[in-house]
Amino acid sequence: MTTEDKNWKEIAPAGVCWKPSTKFLTGDWKTFTPVRDLEKCTRCLLCVLFCPDGAIHWKPEKGDIEFDLNFCKGCGICANECPTKAIEMKLV
């Protein structure tokens, strides 16, 4: 018998997760994925601040943001908060 931790799919319904989402990939939860229009994006970083999963990162070496779809759950908060409507949620 192994003592490996269960992944989120193996947790009982209504079970409480004992780890933060940064400790295991949660990106396969999503039905929608964010798609950014580079022409509209002003890099205001509001999406970085509002993302509840920390799935959007500022990359200073690139001078740009990056979506980590391994952790994005497709909630759409980034698209909703974007002042220039540069992020659109698309079906996966």
PDB file of N, CA and C in Angstrom:
ATOM      1  N   MET A   1       0.836  -1.176   0.000  1.00  0.00           N
ATOM      2  CA  MET A   1       0.000   0.000   0.000  1.00  0.00           C
ATOM      3  C   MET A   1       0.889   1.250   0.000  1.00  0.00           C
ATOM      4  N   THR A   2       0.540   2.225  -0.861  1.00  0.00           N
ATOM      5  CA  THR A   2       1.331   3.447  -0.924  1.00  0.00           C
ATOM      6  C   THR A   2       0.734   4.510  -0.011  1.00  0.00           C
ATOM      7  N   THR A   3       1.559   5.446   0.360  1.00  0.00           N
ATOM      8  CA  THR A   3       1.097   6.534   1.229  1.00  0.00           C
ATOM      9  C   THR A   3       1.026   7.848   0.461  1.00  0.00           C
ATOM     10  N   GLU A   4       0.877   7.764  -0.875  1.00  0.00           N
ATOM     11  CA  GLU A   4       0.792   8.981  -1.678  1.00  0.00           C
ATOM     12  C   GLU A   4      -0.484   9.753  -1.349  1.00  0.00           C
ATOM     13  N   ASP A   5      -0.378  11.068  -1.442  1.00  0.00           N
ATOM     14  CA  ASP A   5      -1.547  11.918  -1.229  1.00  0.00           C
ATOM     15  C   ASP A   5      -2.549  11.723  -2.344  1.00  0.00           C
ATOM     16  N   LYS A   6      -3.816  11.836  -2.026  1.00  0.00           N
ATOM     17  CA  LYS A   6      -4.861  11.762  -3.028  1.00  0.00           C
ATOM     18  C   LYS A   6      -4.887  13.069  -3.813  1.00  0.00           C
ATOM     19  N   ASN A   7      -5.271  12.975  -5.086  1.00  0.00           N
ATOM     20  CA  ASN A   7      -5.441  14.207  -5.844  1.00  0.00           C
ATOM     21  C   ASN A   7      -6.864  14.694  -5.643  1.00  0.00           C
ATOM     22  N   TRP A   8      -7.191  15.856  -6.179  1.00  0.00           N
ATOM     23  CA  TRP A   8      -8.498  16.465  -5.912  1.00  0.00           C
ATOM     24  C   TRP A   8      -9.644  15.608  -6.416  1.00  0.00           C
ATOM     25  N   LYS A   9      -9.409  14.766  -7.441  1.00  0.00           N
ATOM     26  CA  LYS A   9     -10.478  13.920  -7.976  1.00  0.00           C
ATOM     27  C   LYS A   9     -10.798  12.751  -7.041  1.00  0.00           C
ATOM     28  N   GLU A  10      -9.878  12.420  -6.177  1.00  0.00           N
ATOM     29  CA  GLU A  10     -10.059  11.288  -5.277  1.00  0.00           C
ATOM     30  C   GLU A  10     -10.607  11.672  -3.908  1.00  0.00           C
ATOM     31  N   ILE A  11     -10.762  12.961  -3.674  1.00  0.00           N
ATOM     32  CA  ILE A  11     -11.320  13.419  -2.398  1.00  0.00           C
ATOM     33  C   ILE A  11     -12.825  13.161  -2.409  1.00  0.00           C
ATOM     34  N   ALA A  12     -13.373  12.693  -1.323  1.00  0.00           N
ATOM     35  CA  ALA A  12     -14.804  12.394  -1.228  1.00  0.00           C
ATOM     36  C   ALA A  12     -15.633  13.656  -1.477  1.00  0.00           C
ATOM     37  N   PRO A  13     -16.833  13.511  -2.057  1.00  0.00           N
ATOM     38  CA  PRO A  13     -17.699  14.682  -2.242  1.00  0.00           C
ATOM     39  C   PRO A  13     -17.890  15.416  -0.912  1.00  0.00           C
ATOM     40  N   ALA A  14     -17.803  16.727  -0.966  1.00  0.00           N
ATOM     41  CA  ALA A  14     -17.901  17.605   0.206  1.00  0.00           C
ATOM     42  C   ALA A  14     -16.717  17.442   1.149  1.00  0.00           C
ATOM     43  N   GLY A  15     -15.685  16.770   0.690  1.00  0.00           N
ATOM     44  CA  GLY A  15     -14.487  16.625   1.504  1.00  0.00           C
ATOM     45  C   GLY A  15     -13.715  17.929   1.550  1.00  0.00           C
ATOM     46  N   VAL A  16     -12.914  18.083   2.539  1.00  0.00           N
ATOM     47  CA  VAL A  16     -12.124  19.295   2.701  1.00  0.00           C
ATOM     48  C   VAL A  16     -10.706  19.022   2.219  1.00  0.00           C
ATOM     49  N   CYS A  17     -10.244  19.868   1.342  1.00  0.00           N
ATOM     50  CA  CYS A  17      -8.882  19.726   0.837  1.00  0.00           C
ATOM     51  C   CYS A  17      -7.908  20.237   1.880  1.00  0.00           C
ATOM     52  N   TRP A  18      -6.867  19.517   2.137  1.00  0.00           N
ATOM     53  CA  TRP A  18      -5.902  19.850   3.173  1.00  0.00           C
ATOM     54  C   TRP A  18      -4.654  20.540   2.630  1.00  0.00           C
ATOM     55  N   LYS A  19      -4.624  20.815   1.331  1.00  0.00           N
ATOM     56  CA  LYS A  19      -3.468  21.460   0.721  1.00  0.00           C
ATOM     57  C   LYS A  19      -3.904  22.693  -0.056  1.00  0.00           C
ATOM     58  N   PRO A  20      -3.029  23.666  -0.196  1.00  0.00           N
ATOM     59  CA  PRO A  20      -3.361  24.809  -1.057  1.00  0.00           C
ATOM     60  C   PRO A  20      -3.279  24.382  -2.522  1.00  0.00           C
ATOM     61  N   SER A  21      -3.952  25.119  -3.388  1.00  0.00           N
ATOM     62  CA  SER A  21      -3.980  24.752  -4.806  1.00  0.00           C
ATOM     63  C   SER A  21      -2.613  24.846  -5.469  1.00  0.00           C
ATOM     64  N   THR A  22      -1.670  25.539  -4.829  1.00  0.00           N
ATOM     65  CA  THR A  22      -0.327  25.631  -5.396  1.00  0.00           C
ATOM     66  C   THR A  22       0.469  24.341  -5.239  1.00  0.00           C
ATOM     67  N   LYS A  23      -0.047  23.418  -4.448  1.00  0.00           N
ATOM     68  CA  LYS A  23       0.657  22.160  -4.220  1.00  0.00           C
ATOM     69  C   LYS A  23       0.257  21.054  -5.193  1.00  0.00           C
ATOM     70  N   PHE A  24      -0.812  21.257  -5.959  1.00  0.00           N
ATOM     71  CA  PHE A  24      -1.187  20.291  -6.981  1.00  0.00           C
ATOM     72  C   PHE A  24      -1.920  21.003  -8.100  1.00  0.00           C
ATOM     73  N   LEU A  25      -1.824  20.446  -9.300  1.00  0.00           N
ATOM     74  CA  LEU A  25      -2.425  21.075 -10.473  1.00  0.00           C
ATOM     75  C   LEU A  25      -3.942  21.035 -10.389  1.00  0.00           C
ATOM     76  N   THR A  26      -4.566  22.178 -10.626  1.00  0.00           N
ATOM     77  CA  THR A  26      -6.024  22.277 -10.555  1.00  0.00           C
ATOM     78  C   THR A  26      -6.624  22.799 -11.854  1.00  0.00           C
ATOM     79  N   GLY A  27      -5.806  22.998 -12.860  1.00  0.00           N
ATOM     80  CA  GLY A  27      -6.257  23.594 -14.112  1.00  0.00           C
ATOM     81  C   GLY A  27      -7.241  22.764 -14.902  1.00  0.00           C
ATOM     82  N   ASP A  28      -7.337  21.479 -14.610  1.00  0.00           N
ATOM     83  CA  ASP A  28      -8.284  20.662 -15.367  1.00  0.00           C
ATOM     84  C   ASP A  28      -9.714  20.763 -14.831  1.00  0.00           C
ATOM     85  N   TRP A  29      -9.956  21.660 -13.877  1.00  0.00           N
ATOM     86  CA  TRP A  29     -11.309  21.911 -13.371  1.00  0.00           C
ATOM     87  C   TRP A  29     -12.105  22.750 -14.354  1.00  0.00           C
ATOM     88  N   LYS A  30     -11.433  23.506 -15.181  1.00  0.00           N
ATOM     89  CA  LYS A  30     -12.101  24.573 -15.917  1.00  0.00           C
ATOM     90  C   LYS A  30     -12.915  24.110 -17.120  1.00  0.00           C
ATOM     91  N   THR A  31     -13.994  24.880 -17.361  1.00  0.00           N
ATOM     92  CA  THR A  31     -14.802  24.741 -18.568  1.00  0.00           C
ATOM     93  C   THR A  31     -14.436  25.858 -19.532  1.00  0.00           C
ATOM     94  N   PHE A  32     -13.998  26.989 -18.970  1.00  0.00           N
ATOM     95  CA  PHE A  32     -13.588  28.145 -19.767  1.00  0.00           C
ATOM     96  C   PHE A  32     -12.120  28.437 -19.504  1.00  0.00           C
ATOM     97  N   THR A  33     -11.469  29.005 -20.503  1.00  0.00           N
ATOM     98  CA  THR A  33     -10.069  29.393 -20.364  1.00  0.00           C
ATOM     99  C   THR A  33      -9.897  30.838 -20.818  1.00  0.00           C
ATOM    100  N   PRO A  34      -9.035  31.607 -20.156  1.00  0.00           N
ATOM    101  CA  PRO A  34      -8.841  32.998 -20.549  1.00  0.00           C
ATOM    102  C   PRO A  34      -7.972  33.105 -21.804  1.00  0.00           C
ATOM    103  N   VAL A  35      -8.395  33.975 -22.710  1.00  0.00           N
ATOM    104  CA  VAL A  35      -7.622  34.271 -23.920  1.00  0.00           C
ATOM    105  C   VAL A  35      -7.435  35.778 -23.946  1.00  0.00           C
ATOM    106  N   ARG A  36      -6.193  36.217 -24.005  1.00  0.00           N
ATOM    107  CA  ARG A  36      -5.872  37.634 -23.919  1.00  0.00           C
ATOM    108  C   ARG A  36      -5.616  38.217 -25.305  1.00  0.00           C
ATOM    109  N   ASP A  37      -6.197  39.371 -25.561  1.00  0.00           N
ATOM    110  CA  ASP A  37      -5.962  40.122 -26.791  1.00  0.00           C
ATOM    111  C   ASP A  37      -4.779  41.057 -26.516  1.00  0.00           C
ATOM    112  N   LEU A  38      -3.645  40.746 -27.105  1.00  0.00           N
ATOM    113  CA  LEU A  38      -2.424  41.513 -26.844  1.00  0.00           C
ATOM    114  C   LEU A  38      -2.531  42.961 -27.307  1.00  0.00           C
ATOM    115  N   GLU A  39      -3.370  43.213 -28.298  1.00  0.00           N
ATOM    116  CA  GLU A  39      -3.562  44.578 -28.801  1.00  0.00           C
ATOM    117  C   GLU A  39      -4.293  45.450 -27.767  1.00  0.00           C
ATOM    118  N   LYS A  40      -5.258  44.858 -27.073  1.00  0.00           N
ATOM    119  CA  LYS A  40      -6.064  45.601 -26.095  1.00  0.00           C
ATOM    120  C   LYS A  40      -5.404  45.700 -24.726  1.00  0.00           C
ATOM    121  N   CYS A  41      -4.558  44.732 -24.390  1.00  0.00           N
ATOM    122  CA  CYS A  41      -3.971  44.653 -23.050  1.00  0.00           C
ATOM    123  C   CYS A  41      -2.999  45.801 -22.804  1.00  0.00           C
ATOM    124  N   THR A  42      -3.227  46.519 -21.699  1.00  0.00           N
ATOM    125  CA  THR A  42      -2.349  47.631 -21.318  1.00  0.00           C
ATOM    126  C   THR A  42      -1.361  47.231 -20.219  1.00  0.00           C
ATOM    127  N   ARG A  43      -1.414  45.976 -19.803  1.00  0.00           N
ATOM    128  CA  ARG A  43      -0.559  45.449 -18.738  1.00  0.00           C
ATOM    129  C   ARG A  43      -0.730  46.228 -17.433  1.00  0.00           C
ATOM    130  N   CYS A  44      -1.980  46.511 -17.126  1.00  0.00           N
ATOM    131  CA  CYS A  44      -2.306  47.247 -15.886  1.00  0.00           C
ATOM    132  C   CYS A  44      -2.147  46.365 -14.651  1.00  0.00           C
ATOM    133  N   LEU A  45      -2.102  45.061 -14.843  1.00  0.00           N
ATOM    134  CA  LEU A  45      -1.886  44.050 -13.799  1.00  0.00           C
ATOM    135  C   LEU A  45      -3.082  43.836 -12.875  1.00  0.00           C
ATOM    136  N   LEU A  46      -4.246  44.379 -13.213  1.00  0.00           N
ATOM    137  CA  LEU A  46      -5.427  44.118 -12.382  1.00  0.00           C
ATOM    138  C   LEU A  46      -5.781  42.634 -12.390  1.00  0.00           C
ATOM    139  N   CYS A  47      -5.576  41.977 -13.522  1.00  0.00           N
ATOM    140  CA  CYS A  47      -5.868  40.543 -13.585  1.00  0.00           C
ATOM    141  C   CYS A  47      -4.972  39.768 -12.619  1.00  0.00           C
ATOM    142  N   VAL A  48      -3.715  40.177 -12.508  1.00  0.00           N
ATOM    143  CA  VAL A  48      -2.781  39.533 -11.573  1.00  0.00           C
ATOM    144  C   VAL A  48      -3.274  39.715 -10.142  1.00  0.00           C
ATOM    145  N   LEU A  49      -3.715  40.916  -9.814  1.00  0.00           N
ATOM    146  CA  LEU A  49      -4.180  41.208  -8.460  1.00  0.00           C
ATOM    147  C   LEU A  49      -5.476  40.488  -8.106  1.00  0.00           C
ATOM    148  N   PHE A  50      -6.379  40.367  -9.067  1.00  0.00           N
ATOM    149  CA  PHE A  50      -7.694  39.796  -8.776  1.00  0.00           C
ATOM    150  C   PHE A  50      -7.770  38.282  -8.909  1.00  0.00           C
ATOM    151  N   CYS A  51      -6.811  37.651  -9.565  1.00  0.00           N
ATOM    152  CA  CYS A  51      -6.879  36.192  -9.758  1.00  0.00           C
ATOM    153  C   CYS A  51      -6.844  35.480  -8.407  1.00  0.00           C
ATOM    154  N   PRO A  52      -7.919  34.763  -8.052  1.00  0.00           N
ATOM    155  CA  PRO A  52      -7.963  34.115  -6.734  1.00  0.00           C
ATOM    156  C   PRO A  52      -7.050  32.899  -6.626  1.00  0.00           C
ATOM    157  N   ASP A  53      -6.562  32.413  -7.761  1.00  0.00           N
ATOM    158  CA  ASP A  53      -5.722  31.216  -7.756  1.00  0.00           C
ATOM    159  C   ASP A  53      -4.249  31.510  -7.993  1.00  0.00           C
ATOM    160  N   GLY A  54      -3.909  32.776  -8.167  1.00  0.00           N
ATOM    161  CA  GLY A  54      -2.511  33.117  -8.439  1.00  0.00           C
ATOM    162  C   GLY A  54      -2.016  32.513  -9.735  1.00  0.00           C
ATOM    163  N   ALA A  55      -2.914  32.385 -10.710  1.00  0.00           N
ATOM    164  CA  ALA A  55      -2.570  31.738 -11.978  1.00  0.00           C
ATOM    165  C   ALA A  55      -2.081  32.719 -13.033  1.00  0.00           C
ATOM    166  N   ILE A  56      -2.028  34.010 -12.690  1.00  0.00           N
ATOM    167  CA  ILE A  56      -1.526  35.013 -13.623  1.00  0.00           C
ATOM    168  C   ILE A  56      -0.323  35.679 -12.965  1.00  0.00           C
ATOM    169  N   HIS A  57       0.774  35.713 -13.676  1.00  0.00           N
ATOM    170  CA  HIS A  57       2.023  36.212 -13.103  1.00  0.00           C
ATOM    171  C   HIS A  57       2.606  37.325 -13.959  1.00  0.00           C
ATOM    172  N   TRP A  58       3.181  38.327 -13.307  1.00  0.00           N
ATOM    173  CA  TRP A  58       3.945  39.370 -13.985  1.00  0.00           C
ATOM    174  C   TRP A  58       5.364  38.845 -14.169  1.00  0.00           C
ATOM    175  N   LYS A  59       5.843  38.885 -15.389  1.00  0.00           N
ATOM    176  CA  LYS A  59       7.204  38.451 -15.716  1.00  0.00           C
ATOM    177  C   LYS A  59       8.022  39.690 -16.075  1.00  0.00           C
ATOM    178  N   PRO A  60       8.748  40.271 -15.110  1.00  0.00           N
ATOM    179  CA  PRO A  60       9.474  41.515 -15.378  1.00  0.00           C
ATOM    180  C   PRO A  60      10.513  41.381 -16.485  1.00  0.00           C
ATOM    181  N   GLU A  61      11.126  40.209 -16.613  1.00  0.00           N
ATOM    182  CA  GLU A  61      12.131  40.031 -17.656  1.00  0.00           C
ATOM    183  C   GLU A  61      11.527  40.114 -19.063  1.00  0.00           C
ATOM    184  N   LYS A  62      10.236  39.802 -19.173  1.00  0.00           N
ATOM    185  CA  LYS A  62       9.525  39.896 -20.459  1.00  0.00           C
ATOM    186  C   LYS A  62       8.733  41.193 -20.569  1.00  0.00           C
ATOM    187  N   GLY A  63       8.501  41.844 -19.414  1.00  0.00           N
ATOM    188  CA  GLY A  63       7.657  43.034 -19.403  1.00  0.00           C
ATOM    189  C   GLY A  63       6.220  42.695 -19.756  1.00  0.00           C
ATOM    190  N   ASP A  64       5.786  41.510 -19.342  1.00  0.00           N
ATOM    191  CA  ASP A  64       4.463  41.031 -19.725  1.00  0.00           C
ATOM    192  C   ASP A  64       3.916  40.081 -18.653  1.00  0.00           C
ATOM    193  N   ILE A  65       2.629  39.780 -18.779  1.00  0.00           N
ATOM    194  CA  ILE A  65       2.009  38.817 -17.874  1.00  0.00           C
ATOM    195  C   ILE A  65       1.992  37.446 -18.540  1.00  0.00           C
ATOM    196  N   GLU A  66       1.791  36.436 -17.705  1.00  0.00           N
ATOM    197  CA  GLU A  66       1.739  35.066 -18.198  1.00  0.00           C
ATOM    198  C   GLU A  66       0.653  34.323 -17.432  1.00  0.00           C
ATOM    199  N   PHE A  67      -0.195  33.601 -18.157  1.00  0.00           N
ATOM    200  CA  PHE A  67      -1.228  32.769 -17.545  1.00  0.00           C
ATOM    201  C   PHE A  67      -0.644  31.383 -17.308  1.00  0.00           C
ATOM    202  N   ASP A  68      -0.813  30.861 -16.111  1.00  0.00           N
ATOM    203  CA  ASP A  68      -0.411  29.488 -15.818  1.00  0.00           C
ATOM    204  C   ASP A  68      -1.677  28.642 -15.823  1.00  0.00           C
ATOM    205  N   LEU A  69      -1.967  28.053 -16.970  1.00  0.00           N
ATOM    206  CA  LEU A  69      -3.217  27.306 -17.134  1.00  0.00           C
ATOM    207  C   LEU A  69      -3.234  25.995 -16.353  1.00  0.00           C
ATOM    208  N   ASN A  70      -2.107  25.623 -15.770  1.00  0.00           N
ATOM    209  CA  ASN A  70      -2.090  24.450 -14.890  1.00  0.00           C
ATOM    210  C   ASN A  70      -2.830  24.708 -13.590  1.00  0.00           C
ATOM    211  N   PHE A  71      -3.007  26.002 -13.238  1.00  0.00           N
ATOM    212  CA  PHE A  71      -3.677  26.358 -11.994  1.00  0.00           C
ATOM    213  C   PHE A  71      -4.957  27.170 -12.203  1.00  0.00           C
ATOM    214  N   CYS A  72      -5.160  27.707 -13.395  1.00  0.00           N
ATOM    215  CA  CYS A  72      -6.362  28.491 -13.691  1.00  0.00           C
ATOM    216  C   CYS A  72      -7.585  27.579 -13.671  1.00  0.00           C
ATOM    217  N   LYS A  73      -8.597  27.999 -12.917  1.00  0.00           N
ATOM    218  CA  LYS A  73      -9.837  27.211 -12.830  1.00  0.00           C
ATOM    219  C   LYS A  73     -10.932  27.761 -13.731  1.00  0.00           C
ATOM    220  N   GLY A  74     -10.638  28.805 -14.500  1.00  0.00           N
ATOM    221  CA  GLY A  74     -11.597  29.332 -15.468  1.00  0.00           C
ATOM    222  C   GLY A  74     -12.737  30.119 -14.858  1.00  0.00           C
ATOM    223  N   CYS A  75     -12.502  30.774 -13.737  1.00  0.00           N
ATOM    224  CA  CYS A  75     -13.577  31.491 -13.037  1.00  0.00           C
ATOM    225  C   CYS A  75     -14.023  32.749 -13.778  1.00  0.00           C
ATOM    226  N   GLY A  76     -13.127  33.371 -14.557  1.00  0.00           N
ATOM    227  CA  GLY A  76     -13.483  34.555 -15.331  1.00  0.00           C
ATOM    228  C   GLY A  76     -13.348  35.873 -14.596  1.00  0.00           C
ATOM    229  N   ILE A  77     -12.835  35.857 -13.373  1.00  0.00           N
ATOM    230  CA  ILE A  77     -12.669  37.103 -12.635  1.00  0.00           C
ATOM    231  C   ILE A  77     -11.707  38.026 -13.385  1.00  0.00           C
ATOM    232  N   CYS A  78     -10.659  37.475 -13.957  1.00  0.00           N
ATOM    233  CA  CYS A  78      -9.693  38.298 -14.694  1.00  0.00           C
ATOM    234  C   CYS A  78     -10.372  39.027 -15.853  1.00  0.00           C
ATOM    235  N   ALA A  79     -11.228  38.327 -16.586  1.00  0.00           N
ATOM    236  CA  ALA A  79     -11.941  38.936 -17.716  1.00  0.00           C
ATOM    237  C   ALA A  79     -12.927  39.991 -17.236  1.00  0.00           C
ATOM    238  N   ASN A  80     -13.590  39.720 -16.128  1.00  0.00           N
ATOM    239  CA  ASN A  80     -14.567  40.648 -15.581  1.00  0.00           C
ATOM    240  C   ASN A  80     -13.912  41.937 -15.083  1.00  0.00           C
ATOM    241  N   GLU A  81     -12.730  41.828 -14.505  1.00  0.00           N
ATOM    242  CA  GLU A  81     -12.049  42.984 -13.921  1.00  0.00           C
ATOM    243  C   GLU A  81     -11.190  43.760 -14.920  1.00  0.00           C
ATOM    244  N   CYS A  82     -10.938  43.200 -16.081  1.00  0.00           N
ATOM    245  CA  CYS A  82     -10.074  43.853 -17.068  1.00  0.00           C
ATOM    246  C   CYS A  82     -10.744  45.123 -17.597  1.00  0.00           C
ATOM    247  N   PRO A  83     -10.132  46.304 -17.372  1.00  0.00           N
ATOM    248  CA  PRO A  83     -10.760  47.561 -17.779  1.00  0.00           C
ATOM    249  C   PRO A  83     -10.830  47.759 -19.304  1.00  0.00           C
ATOM    250  N   THR A  84      -9.965  47.064 -20.051  1.00  0.00           N
ATOM    251  CA  THR A  84      -9.973  47.224 -21.505  1.00  0.00           C
ATOM    252  C   THR A  84     -10.635  46.048 -22.222  1.00  0.00           C
ATOM    253  N   LYS A  85     -11.181  45.117 -21.444  1.00  0.00           N
ATOM    254  CA  LYS A  85     -11.833  43.912 -21.987  1.00  0.00           C
ATOM    255  C   LYS A  85     -10.883  43.138 -22.904  1.00  0.00           C
ATOM    256  N   ALA A  86      -9.624  43.050 -22.467  1.00  0.00           N
ATOM    257  CA  ALA A  86      -8.596  42.355 -23.243  1.00  0.00           C
ATOM    258  C   ALA A  86      -8.601  40.845 -23.001  1.00  0.00           C
ATOM    259  N   ILE A  87      -9.370  40.389 -22.013  1.00  0.00           N
ATOM    260  CA  ILE A  87      -9.423  38.962 -21.706  1.00  0.00           C
ATOM    261  C   ILE A  87     -10.832  38.460 -21.988  1.00  0.00           C
ATOM    262  N   GLU A  88     -10.900  37.414 -22.782  1.00  0.00           N
ATOM    263  CA  GLU A  88     -12.181  36.785 -23.108  1.00  0.00           C
ATOM    264  C   GLU A  88     -12.137  35.343 -22.643  1.00  0.00           C
ATOM    265  N   MET A  89     -13.213  34.871 -22.061  1.00  0.00           N
ATOM    266  CA  MET A  89     -13.286  33.492 -21.615  1.00  0.00           C
ATOM    267  C   MET A  89     -13.850  32.641 -22.749  1.00  0.00           C
ATOM    268  N   LYS A  90     -13.096  31.630 -23.142  1.00  0.00           N
ATOM    269  CA  LYS A  90     -13.483  30.725 -24.238  1.00  0.00           C
ATOM    270  C   LYS A  90     -13.699  29.334 -23.683  1.00  0.00           C
ATOM    271  N   LEU A  91     -14.652  28.622 -24.272  1.00  0.00           N
ATOM    272  CA  LEU A  91     -14.868  27.218 -23.890  1.00  0.00           C
ATOM    273  C   LEU A  91     -13.611  26.412 -24.162  1.00  0.00           C
ATOM    274  N   VAL A  92     -13.304  25.528 -23.252  1.00  0.00           N
ATOM    275  CA  VAL A  92     -12.102  24.690 -23.404  1.00  0.00           C
ATOM    276  C   VAL A  92     -12.309  23.714 -24.531  1.00  0.00           C
TER     277      VAL A  92
END
